[in-house]
Amino acid sequence: MLMTKQRLPHIVTYDIADPKRLRRIHRFMKKVALPLQYSVFLLEADTKRIEALLKQLRMMIKANEDDIRIYPLPHQPDWCSLGKPLWQDGVQLVGFKLPLEFHLQTETYWVEQDKN
């Protein structure tokens, strides 16, 4: 893994075979990242934080049954959304510019109204 102190957005996805492990990992991920779909999360992190996350997740899974993937994204990724919106029009997460199609589902994350 390329070491960087720059915080970049990452997509974290998982496929967990056991329902009990699935619930545990889902609860854990909701504490550290923004849920986009049930097993897809958005996380802004530097390399050190990603490595710490991987270490924690590694202890929760069975490597021969489960699959967790983390995909780094560019600093200002373009977004596209189809279907049910997740965020209200004009809402942005601090640090992430999201399209108007996204709508907020949870109040756990600090958001601000787009002033433009």
PDB file of N, CA and C in Angstrom:
ATOM      1  N   MET A   1       0.851  -1.174   0.000  1.00  0.00           N
ATOM      2  CA  MET A   1       0.000   0.000   0.000  1.00  0.00           C
ATOM      3  C   MET A   1       0.896   1.237   0.000  1.00  0.00           C
ATOM      4  N   LEU A   2       0.643   2.179  -0.888  1.00  0.00           N
ATOM      5  CA  LEU A   2       1.398   3.417  -0.984  1.00  0.00           C
ATOM      6  C   LEU A   2       1.097   4.296   0.223  1.00  0.00           C
ATOM      7  N   MET A   3       2.125   4.666   0.982  1.00  0.00           N
ATOM      8  CA  MET A   3       1.939   5.480   2.181  1.00  0.00           C
ATOM      9  C   MET A   3       1.697   6.937   1.802  1.00  0.00           C
ATOM     10  N   THR A   4       0.607   7.499   2.311  1.00  0.00           N
ATOM     11  CA  THR A   4       0.314   8.903   2.090  1.00  0.00           C
ATOM     12  C   THR A   4      -0.403   9.469   3.307  1.00  0.00           C
ATOM     13  N   LYS A   5      -0.088  10.724   3.623  1.00  0.00           N
ATOM     14  CA  LYS A   5      -0.773  11.406   4.719  1.00  0.00           C
ATOM     15  C   LYS A   5      -2.012  12.129   4.213  1.00  0.00           C
ATOM     16  N   GLN A   6      -2.163  12.177   2.898  1.00  0.00           N
ATOM     17  CA  GLN A   6      -3.326  12.843   2.315  1.00  0.00           C
ATOM     18  C   GLN A   6      -4.576  12.005   2.564  1.00  0.00           C
ATOM     19  N   ARG A   7      -5.618  12.665   3.049  1.00  0.00           N
ATOM     20  CA  ARG A   7      -6.898  11.978   3.256  1.00  0.00           C
ATOM     21  C   ARG A   7      -7.651  11.943   1.935  1.00  0.00           C
ATOM     22  N   LEU A   8      -7.984  10.742   1.507  1.00  0.00           N
ATOM     23  CA  LEU A   8      -8.716  10.547   0.261  1.00  0.00           C
ATOM     24  C   LEU A   8      -9.994   9.774   0.537  1.00  0.00           C
ATOM     25  N   PRO A   9     -11.011   9.968  -0.297  1.00  0.00           N
ATOM     26  CA  PRO A   9     -12.217   9.152  -0.145  1.00  0.00           C
ATOM     27  C   PRO A   9     -11.941   7.712  -0.564  1.00  0.00           C
ATOM     28  N   HIS A  10     -12.569   6.792   0.121  1.00  0.00           N
ATOM     29  CA  HIS A  10     -12.467   5.363  -0.182  1.00  0.00           C
ATOM     30  C   HIS A  10     -13.868   4.759  -0.134  1.00  0.00           C
ATOM     31  N   ILE A  11     -14.119   3.814  -1.000  1.00  0.00           N
ATOM     32  CA  ILE A  11     -15.332   3.006  -0.936  1.00  0.00           C
ATOM     33  C   ILE A  11     -14.955   1.700  -0.244  1.00  0.00           C
ATOM     34  N   VAL A  12     -15.712   1.341   0.777  1.00  0.00           N
ATOM     35  CA  VAL A  12     -15.509   0.082   1.489  1.00  0.00           C
ATOM     36  C   VAL A  12     -16.734  -0.788   1.222  1.00  0.00           C
ATOM     37  N   THR A  13     -16.507  -1.999   0.737  1.00  0.00           N
ATOM     38  CA  THR A  13     -17.605  -2.930   0.469  1.00  0.00           C
ATOM     39  C   THR A  13     -17.300  -4.260   1.144  1.00  0.00           C
ATOM     40  N   TYR A  14     -18.352  -5.001   1.415  1.00  0.00           N
ATOM     41  CA  TYR A  14     -18.122  -6.311   2.010  1.00  0.00           C
ATOM     42  C   TYR A  14     -19.209  -7.294   1.624  1.00  0.00           C
ATOM     43  N   ASP A  15     -18.835  -8.560   1.680  1.00  0.00           N
ATOM     44  CA  ASP A  15     -19.738  -9.691   1.491  1.00  0.00           C
ATOM     45  C   ASP A  15     -19.382 -10.679   2.602  1.00  0.00           C
ATOM     46  N   ILE A  16     -20.240 -10.771   3.602  1.00  0.00           N
ATOM     47  CA  ILE A  16     -19.968 -11.564   4.798  1.00  0.00           C
ATOM     48  C   ILE A  16     -20.925 -12.754   4.835  1.00  0.00           C
ATOM     49  N   ALA A  17     -20.377 -13.958   4.968  1.00  0.00           N
ATOM     50  CA  ALA A  17     -21.173 -15.185   4.869  1.00  0.00           C
ATOM     51  C   ALA A  17     -22.087 -15.426   6.073  1.00  0.00           C
ATOM     52  N   ASP A  18     -21.619 -15.136   7.260  1.00  0.00           N
ATOM     53  CA  ASP A  18     -22.373 -15.442   8.474  1.00  0.00           C
ATOM     54  C   ASP A  18     -23.206 -14.237   8.916  1.00  0.00           C
ATOM     55  N   PRO A  19     -24.520 -14.396   9.143  1.00  0.00           N
ATOM     56  CA  PRO A  19     -25.372 -13.265   9.534  1.00  0.00           C
ATOM     57  C   PRO A  19     -24.910 -12.551  10.808  1.00  0.00           C
ATOM     58  N   LYS A  20     -24.402 -13.297  11.789  1.00  0.00           N
ATOM     59  CA  LYS A  20     -23.931 -12.667  13.026  1.00  0.00           C
ATOM     60  C   LYS A  20     -22.712 -11.782  12.758  1.00  0.00           C
ATOM     61  N   ARG A  21     -21.749 -12.280  11.982  1.00  0.00           N
ATOM     62  CA  ARG A  21     -20.576 -11.465  11.617  1.00  0.00           C
ATOM     63  C   ARG A  21     -21.006 -10.277  10.764  1.00  0.00           C
ATOM     64  N   LEU A  22     -21.955 -10.503   9.875  1.00  0.00           N
ATOM     65  CA  LEU A  22     -22.457  -9.428   9.012  1.00  0.00           C
ATOM     66  C   LEU A  22     -23.010  -8.279   9.854  1.00  0.00           C
ATOM     67  N   ARG A  23     -23.853  -8.592  10.834  1.00  0.00           N
ATOM     68  CA  ARG A  23     -24.419  -7.542  11.696  1.00  0.00           C
ATOM     69  C   ARG A  23     -23.320  -6.822  12.474  1.00  0.00           C
ATOM     70  N   ARG A  24     -22.362  -7.575  12.976  1.00  0.00           N
ATOM     71  CA  ARG A  24     -21.261  -6.981  13.752  1.00  0.00           C
ATOM     72  C   ARG A  24     -20.436  -6.020  12.891  1.00  0.00           C
ATOM     73  N   ILE A  25     -20.098  -6.447  11.700  1.00  0.00           N
ATOM     74  CA  ILE A  25     -19.302  -5.604  10.803  1.00  0.00           C
ATOM     75  C   ILE A  25     -20.106  -4.396  10.350  1.00  0.00           C
ATOM     76  N   HIS A  26     -21.383  -4.590  10.083  1.00  0.00           N
ATOM     77  CA  HIS A  26     -22.224  -3.462   9.670  1.00  0.00           C
ATOM     78  C   HIS A  26     -22.302  -2.413  10.791  1.00  0.00           C
ATOM     79  N   ARG A  27     -22.529  -2.840  12.021  1.00  0.00           N
ATOM     80  CA  ARG A  27     -22.563  -1.890  13.150  1.00  0.00           C
ATOM     81  C   ARG A  27     -21.225  -1.162  13.294  1.00  0.00           C
ATOM     82  N   PHE A  28     -20.133  -1.894  13.167  1.00  0.00           N
ATOM     83  CA  PHE A  28     -18.802  -1.295  13.259  1.00  0.00           C
ATOM     84  C   PHE A  28     -18.594  -0.260  12.152  1.00  0.00           C
ATOM     85  N   MET A  29     -18.926  -0.630  10.913  1.00  0.00           N
ATOM     86  CA  MET A  29     -18.698   0.276   9.783  1.00  0.00           C
ATOM     87  C   MET A  29     -19.542   1.545   9.890  1.00  0.00           C
ATOM     88  N   LYS A  30     -20.747   1.446  10.442  1.00  0.00           N
ATOM     89  CA  LYS A  30     -21.583   2.639  10.611  1.00  0.00           C
ATOM     90  C   LYS A  30     -20.954   3.631  11.581  1.00  0.00           C
ATOM     91  N   LYS A  31     -20.073   3.155  12.454  1.00  0.00           N
ATOM     92  CA  LYS A  31     -19.391   4.043  13.403  1.00  0.00           C
ATOM     93  C   LYS A  31     -18.205   4.764  12.777  1.00  0.00           C
ATOM     94  N   VAL A  32     -17.623   4.195  11.716  1.00  0.00           N
ATOM     95  CA  VAL A  32     -16.390   4.758  11.162  1.00  0.00           C
ATOM     96  C   VAL A  32     -16.542   5.328   9.756  1.00  0.00           C
ATOM     97  N   ALA A  33     -17.667   5.059   9.098  1.00  0.00           N
ATOM     98  CA  ALA A  33     -17.831   5.493   7.708  1.00  0.00           C
ATOM     99  C   ALA A  33     -19.297   5.815   7.434  1.00  0.00           C
ATOM    100  N   LEU A  34     -19.528   6.453   6.329  1.00  0.00           N
ATOM    101  CA  LEU A  34     -20.874   6.855   5.923  1.00  0.00           C
ATOM    102  C   LEU A  34     -21.512   5.752   5.083  1.00  0.00           C
ATOM    103  N   PRO A  35     -22.645   5.189   5.522  1.00  0.00           N
ATOM    104  CA  PRO A  35     -23.284   4.149   4.720  1.00  0.00           C
ATOM    105  C   PRO A  35     -23.924   4.732   3.464  1.00  0.00           C
ATOM    106  N   LEU A  36     -23.583   4.157   2.318  1.00  0.00           N
ATOM    107  CA  LEU A  36     -24.203   4.547   1.053  1.00  0.00           C
ATOM    108  C   LEU A  36     -25.281   3.541   0.668  1.00  0.00           C
ATOM    109  N   GLN A  37     -24.995   2.274   0.899  1.00  0.00           N
ATOM    110  CA  GLN A  37     -25.942   1.176   0.743  1.00  0.00           C
ATOM    111  C   GLN A  37     -25.654   0.210   1.882  1.00  0.00           C
ATOM    112  N   TYR A  38     -26.398  -0.891   1.991  1.00  0.00           N
ATOM    113  CA  TYR A  38     -26.240  -1.749   3.165  1.00  0.00           C
ATOM    114  C   TYR A  38     -24.798  -2.215   3.369  1.00  0.00           C
ATOM    115  N   SER A  39     -24.117  -2.651   2.340  1.00  0.00           N
ATOM    116  CA  SER A  39     -22.735  -3.097   2.519  1.00  0.00           C
ATOM    117  C   SER A  39     -21.752  -2.291   1.689  1.00  0.00           C
ATOM    118  N   VAL A  40     -22.057  -1.009   1.511  1.00  0.00           N
ATOM    119  CA  VAL A  40     -21.173  -0.084   0.794  1.00  0.00           C
ATOM    120  C   VAL A  40     -21.065   1.192   1.628  1.00  0.00           C
ATOM    121  N   PHE A  41     -19.829   1.573   1.934  1.00  0.00           N
ATOM    122  CA  PHE A  41     -19.584   2.731   2.790  1.00  0.00           C
ATOM    123  C   PHE A  41     -18.588   3.679   2.144  1.00  0.00           C
ATOM    124  N   LEU A  42     -18.703   4.956   2.501  1.00  0.00           N
ATOM    125  CA  LEU A  42     -17.773   5.987   2.063  1.00  0.00           C
ATOM    126  C   LEU A  42     -16.953   6.417   3.273  1.00  0.00           C
ATOM    127  N   LEU A  43     -15.644   6.455   3.107  1.00  0.00           N
ATOM    128  CA  LEU A  43     -14.733   6.791   4.192  1.00  0.00           C
ATOM    129  C   LEU A  43     -13.654   7.712   3.647  1.00  0.00           C
ATOM    130  N   GLU A  44     -13.364   8.795   4.359  1.00  0.00           N
ATOM    131  CA  GLU A  44     -12.231   9.644   3.992  1.00  0.00           C
ATOM    132  C   GLU A  44     -11.109   9.331   4.970  1.00  0.00           C
ATOM    133  N   ALA A  45      -9.970   8.888   4.432  1.00  0.00           N
ATOM    134  CA  ALA A  45      -8.899   8.441   5.324  1.00  0.00           C
ATOM    135  C   ALA A  45      -7.540   8.517   4.649  1.00  0.00           C
ATOM    136  N   ASP A  46      -6.507   8.649   5.487  1.00  0.00           N
ATOM    137  CA  ASP A  46      -5.136   8.534   4.994  1.00  0.00           C
ATOM    138  C   ASP A  46      -4.707   7.069   5.112  1.00  0.00           C
ATOM    139  N   THR A  47      -3.509   6.772   4.661  1.00  0.00           N
ATOM    140  CA  THR A  47      -3.023   5.393   4.646  1.00  0.00           C
ATOM    141  C   THR A  47      -2.992   4.785   6.047  1.00  0.00           C
ATOM    142  N   LYS A  48      -2.578   5.558   7.032  1.00  0.00           N
ATOM    143  CA  LYS A  48      -2.495   5.045   8.404  1.00  0.00           C
ATOM    144  C   LYS A  48      -3.871   4.609   8.911  1.00  0.00           C
ATOM    145  N   ARG A  49      -4.889   5.412   8.635  1.00  0.00           N
ATOM    146  CA  ARG A  49      -6.248   5.070   9.076  1.00  0.00           C
ATOM    147  C   ARG A  49      -6.775   3.841   8.327  1.00  0.00           C
ATOM    148  N   ILE A  50      -6.479   3.736   7.037  1.00  0.00           N
ATOM    149  CA  ILE A  50      -6.913   2.567   6.255  1.00  0.00           C
ATOM    150  C   ILE A  50      -6.262   1.303   6.811  1.00  0.00           C
ATOM    151  N   GLU A  51      -4.974   1.375   7.117  1.00  0.00           N
ATOM    152  CA  GLU A  51      -4.284   0.208   7.675  1.00  0.00           C
ATOM    153  C   GLU A  51      -4.871  -0.190   9.027  1.00  0.00           C
ATOM    154  N   ALA A  52      -5.217   0.795   9.863  1.00  0.00           N
ATOM    155  CA  ALA A  52      -5.841   0.498  11.157  1.00  0.00           C
ATOM    156  C   ALA A  52      -7.216  -0.140  10.956  1.00  0.00           C
ATOM    157  N   LEU A  53      -7.975   0.367   9.989  1.00  0.00           N
ATOM    158  CA  LEU A  53      -9.286  -0.206   9.681  1.00  0.00           C
ATOM    159  C   LEU A  53      -9.146  -1.651   9.217  1.00  0.00           C
ATOM    160  N   LEU A  54      -8.199  -1.899   8.318  1.00  0.00           N
ATOM    161  CA  LEU A  54      -7.972  -3.260   7.830  1.00  0.00           C
ATOM    162  C   LEU A  54      -7.606  -4.203   8.974  1.00  0.00           C
ATOM    163  N   LYS A  55      -6.785  -3.735   9.894  1.00  0.00           N
ATOM    164  CA  LYS A  55      -6.390  -4.562  11.041  1.00  0.00           C
ATOM    165  C   LYS A  55      -7.612  -4.933  11.878  1.00  0.00           C
ATOM    166  N   GLN A  56      -8.490  -3.954  12.130  1.00  0.00           N
ATOM    167  CA  GLN A  56      -9.696  -4.224  12.915  1.00  0.00           C
ATOM    168  C   GLN A  56     -10.629  -5.185  12.182  1.00  0.00           C
ATOM    169  N   LEU A  57     -10.842  -4.941  10.897  1.00  0.00           N
ATOM    170  CA  LEU A  57     -11.744  -5.799  10.125  1.00  0.00           C
ATOM    171  C   LEU A  57     -11.201  -7.220  10.004  1.00  0.00           C
ATOM    172  N   ARG A  58      -9.887  -7.340   9.852  1.00  0.00           N
ATOM    173  CA  ARG A  58      -9.254  -8.657   9.735  1.00  0.00           C
ATOM    174  C   ARG A  58      -9.564  -9.532  10.953  1.00  0.00           C
ATOM    175  N   MET A  59      -9.680  -8.912  12.121  1.00  0.00           N
ATOM    176  CA  MET A  59      -9.973  -9.662  13.343  1.00  0.00           C
ATOM    177  C   MET A  59     -11.441 -10.088  13.427  1.00  0.00           C
ATOM    178  N   MET A  60     -12.308  -9.475  12.628  1.00  0.00           N
ATOM    179  CA  MET A  60     -13.743  -9.755  12.698  1.00  0.00           C
ATOM    180  C   MET A  60     -14.227 -10.768  11.671  1.00  0.00           C
ATOM    181  N   ILE A  61     -13.435 -11.032  10.640  1.00  0.00           N
ATOM    182  CA  ILE A  61     -13.917 -11.882   9.552  1.00  0.00           C
ATOM    183  C   ILE A  61     -13.276 -13.262   9.582  1.00  0.00           C
ATOM    184  N   LYS A  62     -13.840 -14.144   8.792  1.00  0.00           N
ATOM    185  CA  LYS A  62     -13.206 -15.424   8.468  1.00  0.00           C
ATOM    186  C   LYS A  62     -12.728 -15.279   7.030  1.00  0.00           C
ATOM    187  N   ALA A  63     -11.422 -15.239   6.852  1.00  0.00           N
ATOM    188  CA  ALA A  63     -10.830 -14.940   5.541  1.00  0.00           C
ATOM    189  C   ALA A  63     -11.226 -15.939   4.462  1.00  0.00           C
ATOM    190  N   ASN A  64     -11.510 -17.165   4.842  1.00  0.00           N
ATOM    191  CA  ASN A  64     -11.884 -18.163   3.835  1.00  0.00           C
ATOM    192  C   ASN A  64     -13.375 -18.125   3.488  1.00  0.00           C
ATOM    193  N   GLU A  65     -14.173 -17.282   4.188  1.00  0.00           N
ATOM    194  CA  GLU A  65     -15.608 -17.182   3.922  1.00  0.00           C
ATOM    195  C   GLU A  65     -16.057 -15.779   3.529  1.00  0.00           C
ATOM    196  N   ASP A  66     -15.378 -14.757   4.003  1.00  0.00           N
ATOM    197  CA  ASP A  66     -15.824 -13.370   3.848  1.00  0.00           C
ATOM    198  C   ASP A  66     -14.927 -12.597   2.892  1.00  0.00           C
ATOM    199  N   ASP A  67     -15.451 -11.478   2.415  1.00  0.00           N
ATOM    200  CA  ASP A  67     -14.720 -10.640   1.461  1.00  0.00           C
ATOM    201  C   ASP A  67     -14.960  -9.174   1.810  1.00  0.00           C
ATOM    202  N   ILE A  68     -13.883  -8.434   2.076  1.00  0.00           N
ATOM    203  CA  ILE A  68     -13.960  -6.990   2.311  1.00  0.00           C
ATOM    204  C   ILE A  68     -13.004  -6.333   1.338  1.00  0.00           C
ATOM    205  N   ARG A  69     -13.485  -5.283   0.683  1.00  0.00           N
ATOM    206  CA  ARG A  69     -12.654  -4.560  -0.287  1.00  0.00           C
ATOM    207  C   ARG A  69     -12.699  -3.066  -0.006  1.00  0.00           C
ATOM    208  N   ILE A  70     -11.556  -2.414  -0.209  1.00  0.00           N
ATOM    209  CA  ILE A  70     -11.458  -0.966  -0.045  1.00  0.00           C
ATOM    210  C   ILE A  70     -10.874  -0.402  -1.327  1.00  0.00           C
ATOM    211  N   TYR A  71     -11.627   0.518  -1.932  1.00  0.00           N
ATOM    212  CA  TYR A  71     -11.218   1.121  -3.199  1.00  0.00           C
ATOM    213  C   TYR A  71     -10.938   2.609  -2.991  1.00  0.00           C
ATOM    214  N   PRO A  72      -9.698   3.066  -3.205  1.00  0.00           N
ATOM    215  CA  PRO A  72      -9.415   4.501  -3.106  1.00  0.00           C
ATOM    216  C   PRO A  72     -10.033   5.243  -4.289  1.00  0.00           C
ATOM    217  N   LEU A  73     -10.473   6.466  -4.031  1.00  0.00           N
ATOM    218  CA  LEU A  73     -11.063   7.321  -5.060  1.00  0.00           C
ATOM    219  C   LEU A  73     -10.221   8.581  -5.202  1.00  0.00           C
ATOM    220  N   PRO A  74     -10.362   9.304  -6.320  1.00  0.00           N
ATOM    221  CA  PRO A  74      -9.677  10.594  -6.430  1.00  0.00           C
ATOM    222  C   PRO A  74     -10.212  11.571  -5.377  1.00  0.00           C
ATOM    223  N   HIS A  75      -9.447  12.627  -5.108  1.00  0.00           N
ATOM    224  CA  HIS A  75      -9.812  13.591  -4.065  1.00  0.00           C
ATOM    225  C   HIS A  75     -11.205  14.178  -4.274  1.00  0.00           C
ATOM    226  N   GLN A  76     -11.554  14.552  -5.460  1.00  0.00           N
ATOM    227  CA  GLN A  76     -12.878  15.105  -5.773  1.00  0.00           C
ATOM    228  C   GLN A  76     -13.551  14.220  -6.822  1.00  0.00           C
ATOM    229  N   PRO A  77     -14.009  13.034  -6.451  1.00  0.00           N
ATOM    230  CA  PRO A  77     -14.578  12.121  -7.452  1.00  0.00           C
ATOM    231  C   PRO A  77     -15.894  12.638  -8.008  1.00  0.00           C
ATOM    232  N   ASP A  78     -16.165  12.304  -9.259  1.00  0.00           N
ATOM    233  CA  ASP A  78     -17.477  12.573  -9.843  1.00  0.00           C
ATOM    234  C   ASP A  78     -18.431  11.499  -9.349  1.00  0.00           C
ATOM    235  N   TRP A  79     -19.683  11.875  -9.086  1.00  0.00           N
ATOM    236  CA  TRP A  79     -20.678  10.951  -8.561  1.00  0.00           C
ATOM    237  C   TRP A  79     -21.844  10.835  -9.523  1.00  0.00           C
ATOM    238  N   CYS A  80     -22.426   9.681  -9.566  1.00  0.00           N
ATOM    239  CA  CYS A  80     -23.638   9.448 -10.336  1.00  0.00           C
ATOM    240  C   CYS A  80     -24.550   8.579  -9.486  1.00  0.00           C
ATOM    241  N   SER A  81     -25.825   8.887  -9.470  1.00  0.00           N
ATOM    242  CA  SER A  81     -26.767   8.115  -8.671  1.00  0.00           C
ATOM    243  C   SER A  81     -28.030   7.859  -9.476  1.00  0.00           C
ATOM    244  N   LEU A  82     -28.521   6.634  -9.413  1.00  0.00           N
ATOM    245  CA  LEU A  82     -29.791   6.275 -10.032  1.00  0.00           C
ATOM    246  C   LEU A  82     -30.695   5.702  -8.952  1.00  0.00           C
ATOM    247  N   GLY A  83     -31.970   5.935  -9.061  1.00  0.00           N
ATOM    248  CA  GLY A  83     -32.895   5.348  -8.096  1.00  0.00           C
ATOM    249  C   GLY A  83     -33.147   6.247  -6.906  1.00  0.00           C
ATOM    250  N   LYS A  84     -33.504   5.629  -5.794  1.00  0.00           N
ATOM    251  CA  LYS A  84     -33.897   6.340  -4.580  1.00  0.00           C
ATOM    252  C   LYS A  84     -32.775   7.256  -4.091  1.00  0.00           C
ATOM    253  N   PRO A  85     -33.058   8.564  -3.967  1.00  0.00           N
ATOM    254  CA  PRO A  85     -32.028   9.502  -3.505  1.00  0.00           C
ATOM    255  C   PRO A  85     -31.709   9.316  -2.023  1.00  0.00           C
ATOM    256  N   LEU A  86     -30.469   9.624  -1.645  1.00  0.00           N
ATOM    257  CA  LEU A  86     -30.031   9.515  -0.260  1.00  0.00           C
ATOM    258  C   LEU A  86     -29.954  10.859   0.458  1.00  0.00           C
ATOM    259  N   TRP A  87     -29.697  11.957  -0.259  1.00  0.00           N
ATOM    260  CA  TRP A  87     -29.537  13.274   0.350  1.00  0.00           C
ATOM    261  C   TRP A  87     -30.498  14.282  -0.255  1.00  0.00           C
ATOM    262  N   GLN A  88     -30.830  15.312   0.528  1.00  0.00           N
ATOM    263  CA  GLN A  88     -31.657  16.404   0.030  1.00  0.00           C
ATOM    264  C   GLN A  88     -30.866  17.218  -0.978  1.00  0.00           C
ATOM    265  N   ASP A  89     -31.556  17.860  -1.909  1.00  0.00           N
ATOM    266  CA  ASP A  89     -30.892  18.681  -2.916  1.00  0.00           C
ATOM    267  C   ASP A  89     -30.033  19.755  -2.255  1.00  0.00           C
ATOM    268  N   GLY A  90     -28.803  19.895  -2.742  1.00  0.00           N
ATOM    269  CA  GLY A  90     -27.908  20.937  -2.269  1.00  0.00           C
ATOM    270  C   GLY A  90     -27.148  20.614  -0.998  1.00  0.00           C
ATOM    271  N   VAL A  91     -27.367  19.462  -0.387  1.00  0.00           N
ATOM    272  CA  VAL A  91     -26.661  19.096   0.844  1.00  0.00           C
ATOM    273  C   VAL A  91     -25.286  18.554   0.486  1.00  0.00           C
ATOM    274  N   GLN A  92     -24.280  18.983   1.253  1.00  0.00           N
ATOM    275  CA  GLN A  92     -22.915  18.486   1.076  1.00  0.00           C
ATOM    276  C   GLN A  92     -22.403  17.974   2.404  1.00  0.00           C
ATOM    277  N   LEU A  93     -21.623  16.923   2.357  1.00  0.00           N
ATOM    278  CA  LEU A  93     -20.859  16.525   3.528  1.00  0.00           C
ATOM    279  C   LEU A  93     -19.600  17.361   3.518  1.00  0.00           C
ATOM    280  N   VAL A  94     -19.160  17.811   4.660  1.00  0.00           N
ATOM    281  CA  VAL A  94     -17.931  18.580   4.718  1.00  0.00           C
ATOM    282  C   VAL A  94     -16.802  17.675   4.241  1.00  0.00           C
ATOM    283  N   GLY A  95     -16.097  18.102   3.205  1.00  0.00           N
ATOM    284  CA  GLY A  95     -15.008  17.313   2.648  1.00  0.00           C
ATOM    285  C   GLY A  95     -15.403  16.486   1.442  1.00  0.00           C
ATOM    286  N   PHE A  96     -16.698  16.273   1.234  1.00  0.00           N
ATOM    287  CA  PHE A  96     -17.183  15.513   0.082  1.00  0.00           C
ATOM    288  C   PHE A  96     -18.217  16.344  -0.649  1.00  0.00           C
ATOM    289  N   LYS A  97     -18.003  16.599  -1.933  1.00  0.00           N
ATOM    290  CA  LYS A  97     -19.025  17.276  -2.723  1.00  0.00           C
ATOM    291  C   LYS A  97     -19.852  16.193  -3.405  1.00  0.00           C
ATOM    292  N   LEU A  98     -21.123  16.146  -3.069  1.00  0.00           N
ATOM    293  CA  LEU A  98     -22.004  15.113  -3.586  1.00  0.00           C
ATOM    294  C   LEU A  98     -23.002  15.708  -4.572  1.00  0.00           C
ATOM    295  N   PRO A  99     -23.498  14.921  -5.502  1.00  0.00           N
ATOM    296  CA  PRO A  99     -24.462  15.426  -6.469  1.00  0.00           C
ATOM    297  C   PRO A  99     -25.816  15.666  -5.824  1.00  0.00           C
ATOM    298  N   LEU A 100     -26.675  16.376  -6.530  1.00  0.00           N
ATOM    299  CA  LEU A 100     -27.994  16.685  -6.007  1.00  0.00           C
ATOM    300  C   LEU A 100     -28.860  15.440  -5.833  1.00  0.00           C
ATOM    301  N   GLU A 101     -28.514  14.343  -6.486  1.00  0.00           N
ATOM    302  CA  GLU A 101     -29.337  13.142  -6.412  1.00  0.00           C
ATOM    303  C   GLU A 101     -29.218  12.425  -5.072  1.00  0.00           C
ATOM    304  N   PHE A 102     -28.171  12.718  -4.290  1.00  0.00           N
ATOM    305  CA  PHE A 102     -27.971  12.040  -3.016  1.00  0.00           C
ATOM    306  C   PHE A 102     -28.777  12.731  -1.926  1.00  0.00           C
ATOM    307  N   HIS A 103     -29.304  11.977  -0.981  1.00  0.00           N
ATOM    308  CA  HIS A 103     -30.090  12.519   0.127  1.00  0.00           C
ATOM    309  C   HIS A 103     -29.638  11.884   1.436  1.00  0.00           C
ATOM    310  N   LEU A 104     -29.684  12.646   2.497  1.00  0.00           N
ATOM    311  CA  LEU A 104     -29.216  12.185   3.800  1.00  0.00           C
ATOM    312  C   LEU A 104     -30.234  11.253   4.453  1.00  0.00           C
ATOM    313  N   GLN A 105     -29.779  10.090   4.921  1.00  0.00           N
ATOM    314  CA  GLN A 105     -30.635   9.131   5.613  1.00  0.00           C
ATOM    315  C   GLN A 105     -30.418   9.156   7.122  1.00  0.00           C
ATOM    316  N   THR A 106     -29.318   9.650   7.566  1.00  0.00           N
ATOM    317  CA  THR A 106     -28.988   9.582   8.985  1.00  0.00           C
ATOM    318  C   THR A 106     -28.495  10.936   9.471  1.00  0.00           C
ATOM    319  N   GLU A 107     -28.740  11.238  10.726  1.00  0.00           N
ATOM    320  CA  GLU A 107     -28.266  12.492  11.305  1.00  0.00           C
ATOM    321  C   GLU A 107     -26.934  12.300  12.015  1.00  0.00           C
ATOM    322  N   THR A 108     -26.324  11.143  11.859  1.00  0.00           N
ATOM    323  CA  THR A 108     -25.056  10.836  12.509  1.00  0.00           C
ATOM    324  C   THR A 108     -23.916  11.687  11.951  1.00  0.00           C
ATOM    325  N   TYR A 109     -24.043  12.142  10.730  1.00  0.00           N
ATOM    326  CA  TYR A 109     -22.951  12.827  10.051  1.00  0.00           C
ATOM    327  C   TYR A 109     -23.269  14.308   9.886  1.00  0.00           C
ATOM    328  N   TRP A 110     -22.267  15.138  10.121  1.00  0.00           N
ATOM    329  CA  TRP A 110     -22.434  16.573  10.003  1.00  0.00           C
ATOM    330  C   TRP A 110     -22.576  16.954   8.538  1.00  0.00           C
ATOM    331  N   VAL A 111     -23.626  17.690   8.215  1.00  0.00           N
ATOM    332  CA  VAL A 111     -23.843  18.160   6.854  1.00  0.00           C
ATOM    333  C   VAL A 111     -24.068  19.657   6.900  1.00  0.00           C
ATOM    334  N   GLU A 112     -23.855  20.306   5.781  1.00  0.00           N
ATOM    335  CA  GLU A 112     -24.144  21.730   5.684  1.00  0.00           C
ATOM    336  C   GLU A 112     -24.883  21.982   4.382  1.00  0.00           C
ATOM    337  N   GLN A 113     -25.759  22.958   4.392  1.00  0.00           N
ATOM    338  CA  GLN A 113     -26.529  23.293   3.205  1.00  0.00           C
ATOM    339  C   GLN A 113     -25.629  24.026   2.216  1.00  0.00           C
ATOM    340  N   ASP A 114     -25.681  23.645   0.947  1.00  0.00           N
ATOM    341  CA  ASP A 114     -24.902  24.291  -0.106  1.00  0.00           C
ATOM    342  C   ASP A 114     -25.368  25.735  -0.237  1.00  0.00           C
ATOM    343  N   LYS A 115     -24.449  26.671  -0.143  1.00  0.00           N
ATOM    344  CA  LYS A 115     -24.788  28.096  -0.189  1.00  0.00           C
ATOM    345  C   LYS A 115     -24.902  28.635  -1.613  1.00  0.00           C
ATOM    346  N   ASN A 116     -24.512  27.843  -2.624  1.00  0.00           N
ATOM    347  CA  ASN A 116     -24.535  28.310  -4.020  1.00  0.00           C
ATOM    348  C   ASN A 116     -25.929  28.398  -4.568  1.00  0.00           C
TER     349      ASN A 116
END
